[in-house]
Amino acid sequence: MRLHITLDDALVAELDRRVGHRGRSSFIAATIRRALDDACRWDELLSAAGGISDEGHEWDEDPATWVRRQRAADVRRVG
């Protein structure tokens, strides 16, 4: 699909210096793809924020003991 965008001359010059005139489209597409992936990850992080309550966990009373028990219960763990 074709898309018309406007960029200032300095930005286009830097783009051409880095990727060349014929590499503009693929570079811009890859950059937009990465930006959209980042935005989606942020959306997921923000939607998960607050998903675990601040209290009522089995580790609340003594976190260090809880961690030791978890590690000891892992059969893949050596030592």
N, C-alpha and C. Protein backbone atom coordinates (compact mmCIF):
# COMPACT_ATOMS: atom_id res chain seq x y z
N MET A 1 0.84 -1.17 0.00
CA MET A 1 0.00 0.00 0.00
C MET A 1 0.89 1.24 0.00
N ARG A 2 0.53 2.19 -0.76
CA ARG A 2 1.27 3.45 -0.79
C ARG A 2 0.74 4.38 0.29
N LEU A 3 1.65 5.17 0.83
CA LEU A 3 1.30 6.11 1.88
C LEU A 3 2.09 7.39 1.65
N HIS A 4 1.44 8.50 1.72
CA HIS A 4 2.13 9.77 1.52
C HIS A 4 2.43 10.37 2.89
N ILE A 5 3.71 10.63 3.17
CA ILE A 5 4.11 11.28 4.42
C ILE A 5 5.00 12.46 4.09
N THR A 6 5.07 13.40 5.00
CA THR A 6 5.91 14.58 4.81
C THR A 6 6.99 14.58 5.89
N LEU A 7 8.24 14.69 5.46
CA LEU A 7 9.38 14.76 6.37
C LEU A 7 10.21 15.98 6.02
N ASP A 8 10.85 16.57 7.03
CA ASP A 8 11.66 17.73 6.71
C ASP A 8 12.94 17.29 5.99
N ASP A 9 13.55 18.23 5.27
CA ASP A 9 14.70 17.94 4.41
C ASP A 9 15.87 17.34 5.18
N ALA A 10 16.12 17.85 6.38
CA ALA A 10 17.25 17.34 7.17
C ALA A 10 17.05 15.88 7.56
N LEU A 11 15.82 15.53 7.88
CA LEU A 11 15.52 14.14 8.25
C LEU A 11 15.69 13.21 7.05
N VAL A 12 15.23 13.63 5.90
CA VAL A 12 15.38 12.82 4.68
C VAL A 12 16.86 12.68 4.32
N ALA A 13 17.63 13.75 4.47
CA ALA A 13 19.06 13.69 4.18
C ALA A 13 19.76 12.69 5.09
N GLU A 14 19.42 12.70 6.37
CA GLU A 14 20.03 11.74 7.32
C GLU A 14 19.59 10.32 6.98
N LEU A 15 18.33 10.14 6.63
CA LEU A 15 17.82 8.83 6.23
C LEU A 15 18.58 8.32 5.01
N ASP A 16 18.74 9.16 4.01
CA ASP A 16 19.46 8.76 2.80
C ASP A 16 20.92 8.46 3.09
N ARG A 17 21.52 9.23 3.98
CA ARG A 17 22.92 9.00 4.34
C ARG A 17 23.08 7.62 4.98
N ARG A 18 22.11 7.24 5.77
CA ARG A 18 22.20 5.96 6.48
C ARG A 18 21.80 4.75 5.63
N VAL A 19 20.72 4.88 4.87
CA VAL A 19 20.20 3.70 4.16
C VAL A 19 20.13 3.86 2.65
N GLY A 20 20.40 5.05 2.17
CA GLY A 20 20.33 5.29 0.73
C GLY A 20 18.92 5.55 0.26
N HIS A 21 18.82 6.21 -0.87
CA HIS A 21 17.52 6.59 -1.44
C HIS A 21 16.63 5.37 -1.65
N ARG A 22 17.22 4.26 -2.10
CA ARG A 22 16.42 3.07 -2.41
C ARG A 22 16.10 2.23 -1.16
N GLY A 23 16.67 2.60 -0.02
CA GLY A 23 16.38 1.84 1.20
C GLY A 23 15.40 2.53 2.13
N ARG A 24 14.87 3.65 1.70
CA ARG A 24 13.96 4.42 2.56
C ARG A 24 12.75 3.62 3.02
N SER A 25 12.02 3.05 2.08
CA SER A 25 10.75 2.38 2.42
C SER A 25 10.94 1.24 3.39
N SER A 26 11.93 0.39 3.15
CA SER A 26 12.12 -0.76 4.05
C SER A 26 12.57 -0.30 5.42
N PHE A 27 13.40 0.74 5.47
CA PHE A 27 13.85 1.26 6.76
C PHE A 27 12.68 1.85 7.54
N ILE A 28 11.87 2.65 6.87
CA ILE A 28 10.72 3.28 7.52
C ILE A 28 9.72 2.20 7.98
N ALA A 29 9.47 1.20 7.14
CA ALA A 29 8.55 0.12 7.52
C ALA A 29 9.06 -0.63 8.74
N ALA A 30 10.36 -0.96 8.76
CA ALA A 30 10.93 -1.68 9.91
C ALA A 30 10.86 -0.84 11.18
N THR A 31 11.11 0.46 11.04
CA THR A 31 11.07 1.35 12.19
C THR A 31 9.66 1.48 12.75
N ILE A 32 8.68 1.60 11.87
CA ILE A 32 7.29 1.68 12.32
C ILE A 32 6.87 0.37 12.97
N ARG A 33 7.29 -0.75 12.38
CA ARG A 33 6.96 -2.07 12.95
C ARG A 33 7.50 -2.18 14.38
N ARG A 34 8.77 -1.77 14.59
CA ARG A 34 9.36 -1.82 15.93
C ARG A 34 8.61 -0.90 16.89
N ALA A 35 8.27 0.30 16.44
CA ALA A 35 7.55 1.25 17.29
C ALA A 35 6.18 0.71 17.68
N LEU A 36 5.47 0.09 16.74
CA LEU A 36 4.17 -0.49 17.05
C LEU A 36 4.29 -1.67 18.01
N ASP A 37 5.32 -2.50 17.83
CA ASP A 37 5.57 -3.61 18.77
C ASP A 37 5.82 -3.07 20.17
N ASP A 38 6.63 -2.01 20.26
CA ASP A 38 6.91 -1.39 21.57
C ASP A 38 5.63 -0.85 22.19
N ALA A 39 4.80 -0.19 21.39
CA ALA A 39 3.54 0.36 21.90
C ALA A 39 2.63 -0.75 22.41
N CYS A 40 2.58 -1.86 21.69
CA CYS A 40 1.76 -3.01 22.13
C CYS A 40 2.27 -3.57 23.45
N ARG A 41 3.60 -3.69 23.57
CA ARG A 41 4.17 -4.19 24.83
C ARG A 41 3.83 -3.25 25.98
N TRP A 42 3.92 -1.94 25.75
CA TRP A 42 3.55 -0.98 26.81
C TRP A 42 2.08 -1.13 27.18
N ASP A 43 1.23 -1.29 26.20
CA ASP A 43 -0.20 -1.50 26.47
C ASP A 43 -0.41 -2.72 27.36
N GLU A 44 0.30 -3.80 27.06
CA GLU A 44 0.17 -5.02 27.85
C GLU A 44 0.69 -4.83 29.27
N LEU A 45 1.82 -4.14 29.40
CA LEU A 45 2.37 -3.87 30.73
C LEU A 45 1.42 -3.02 31.55
N LEU A 46 0.90 -1.97 30.94
CA LEU A 46 0.00 -1.08 31.67
C LEU A 46 -1.30 -1.78 32.05
N SER A 47 -1.80 -2.66 31.19
CA SER A 47 -3.03 -3.37 31.51
C SER A 47 -2.81 -4.39 32.63
N ALA A 48 -1.57 -4.88 32.78
CA ALA A 48 -1.28 -5.86 33.83
C ALA A 48 -0.95 -5.19 35.16
N ALA A 49 -0.62 -3.90 35.13
CA ALA A 49 -0.27 -3.19 36.36
C ALA A 49 -1.42 -3.27 37.35
N GLY A 50 -1.09 -3.65 38.56
CA GLY A 50 -2.11 -3.78 39.59
C GLY A 50 -2.85 -5.10 39.55
N GLY A 51 -2.40 -6.02 38.69
CA GLY A 51 -3.07 -7.30 38.54
C GLY A 51 -2.84 -8.25 39.70
N ILE A 52 -1.80 -8.00 40.47
CA ILE A 52 -1.52 -8.82 41.65
C ILE A 52 -1.77 -7.95 42.88
N SER A 53 -2.56 -8.43 43.79
CA SER A 53 -2.87 -7.65 44.99
C SER A 53 -1.61 -7.45 45.83
N ASP A 54 -1.64 -6.43 46.67
CA ASP A 54 -0.50 -6.10 47.51
C ASP A 54 -0.37 -7.01 48.73
N GLU A 55 -1.38 -7.77 49.04
CA GLU A 55 -1.34 -8.64 50.22
C GLU A 55 -2.12 -9.91 49.96
N GLY A 56 -1.96 -10.86 50.89
CA GLY A 56 -2.68 -12.12 50.76
C GLY A 56 -1.91 -13.20 50.04
N HIS A 57 -0.58 -13.05 49.94
CA HIS A 57 0.25 -14.04 49.28
C HIS A 57 0.88 -14.96 50.30
N GLU A 58 1.22 -16.14 49.86
CA GLU A 58 1.84 -17.09 50.78
C GLU A 58 3.24 -16.65 51.19
N TRP A 59 3.86 -15.73 50.50
CA TRP A 59 5.20 -15.26 50.84
C TRP A 59 5.21 -13.99 51.70
N ASP A 60 4.05 -13.45 52.01
CA ASP A 60 3.99 -12.17 52.73
C ASP A 60 4.68 -12.20 54.09
N GLU A 61 4.48 -13.26 54.84
CA GLU A 61 5.00 -13.29 56.21
C GLU A 61 6.52 -13.39 56.24
N ASP A 62 7.11 -14.25 55.39
CA ASP A 62 8.57 -14.45 55.39
C ASP A 62 9.03 -14.77 53.97
N PRO A 63 9.30 -13.76 53.17
CA PRO A 63 9.66 -13.98 51.77
C PRO A 63 10.90 -14.84 51.58
N ALA A 64 11.92 -14.66 52.43
CA ALA A 64 13.16 -15.43 52.28
C ALA A 64 12.90 -16.92 52.45
N THR A 65 12.12 -17.29 53.45
CA THR A 65 11.79 -18.70 53.67
C THR A 65 10.99 -19.25 52.49
N TRP A 66 10.04 -18.46 52.00
CA TRP A 66 9.24 -18.89 50.85
C TRP A 66 10.13 -19.15 49.64
N VAL A 67 11.10 -18.28 49.40
CA VAL A 67 12.01 -18.46 48.26
C VAL A 67 12.84 -19.72 48.45
N ARG A 68 13.37 -19.94 49.65
CA ARG A 68 14.17 -21.16 49.90
C ARG A 68 13.35 -22.42 49.66
N ARG A 69 12.11 -22.43 50.09
CA ARG A 69 11.24 -23.59 49.87
C ARG A 69 10.98 -23.81 48.38
N GLN A 70 10.75 -22.73 47.66
CA GLN A 70 10.52 -22.84 46.22
C GLN A 70 11.75 -23.43 45.53
N ARG A 71 12.91 -22.95 45.91
CA ARG A 71 14.14 -23.46 45.30
C ARG A 71 14.38 -24.92 45.66
N ALA A 72 14.14 -25.28 46.90
CA ALA A 72 14.35 -26.66 47.34
C ALA A 72 13.39 -27.62 46.65
N ALA A 73 12.21 -27.14 46.30
CA ALA A 73 11.21 -28.00 45.67
C ALA A 73 11.48 -28.22 44.17
N ASP A 74 12.39 -27.45 43.60
CA ASP A 74 12.69 -27.56 42.17
C ASP A 74 13.67 -28.71 41.96
N VAL A 75 13.20 -29.80 41.37
CA VAL A 75 14.04 -30.99 41.17
C VAL A 75 15.16 -30.75 40.16
N ARG A 76 15.02 -29.73 39.33
CA ARG A 76 16.06 -29.43 38.34
C ARG A 76 17.25 -28.72 38.96
N ARG A 77 17.07 -28.23 40.16
CA ARG A 77 18.10 -27.43 40.83
C ARG A 77 19.17 -28.33 41.43
N VAL A 78 20.42 -27.94 41.26
CA VAL A 78 21.54 -28.70 41.80
C VAL A 78 21.99 -28.04 43.08
N GLY A 79 22.21 -28.86 44.10
CA GLY A 79 22.81 -28.37 45.34
C GLY A 79 21.86 -27.76 46.23
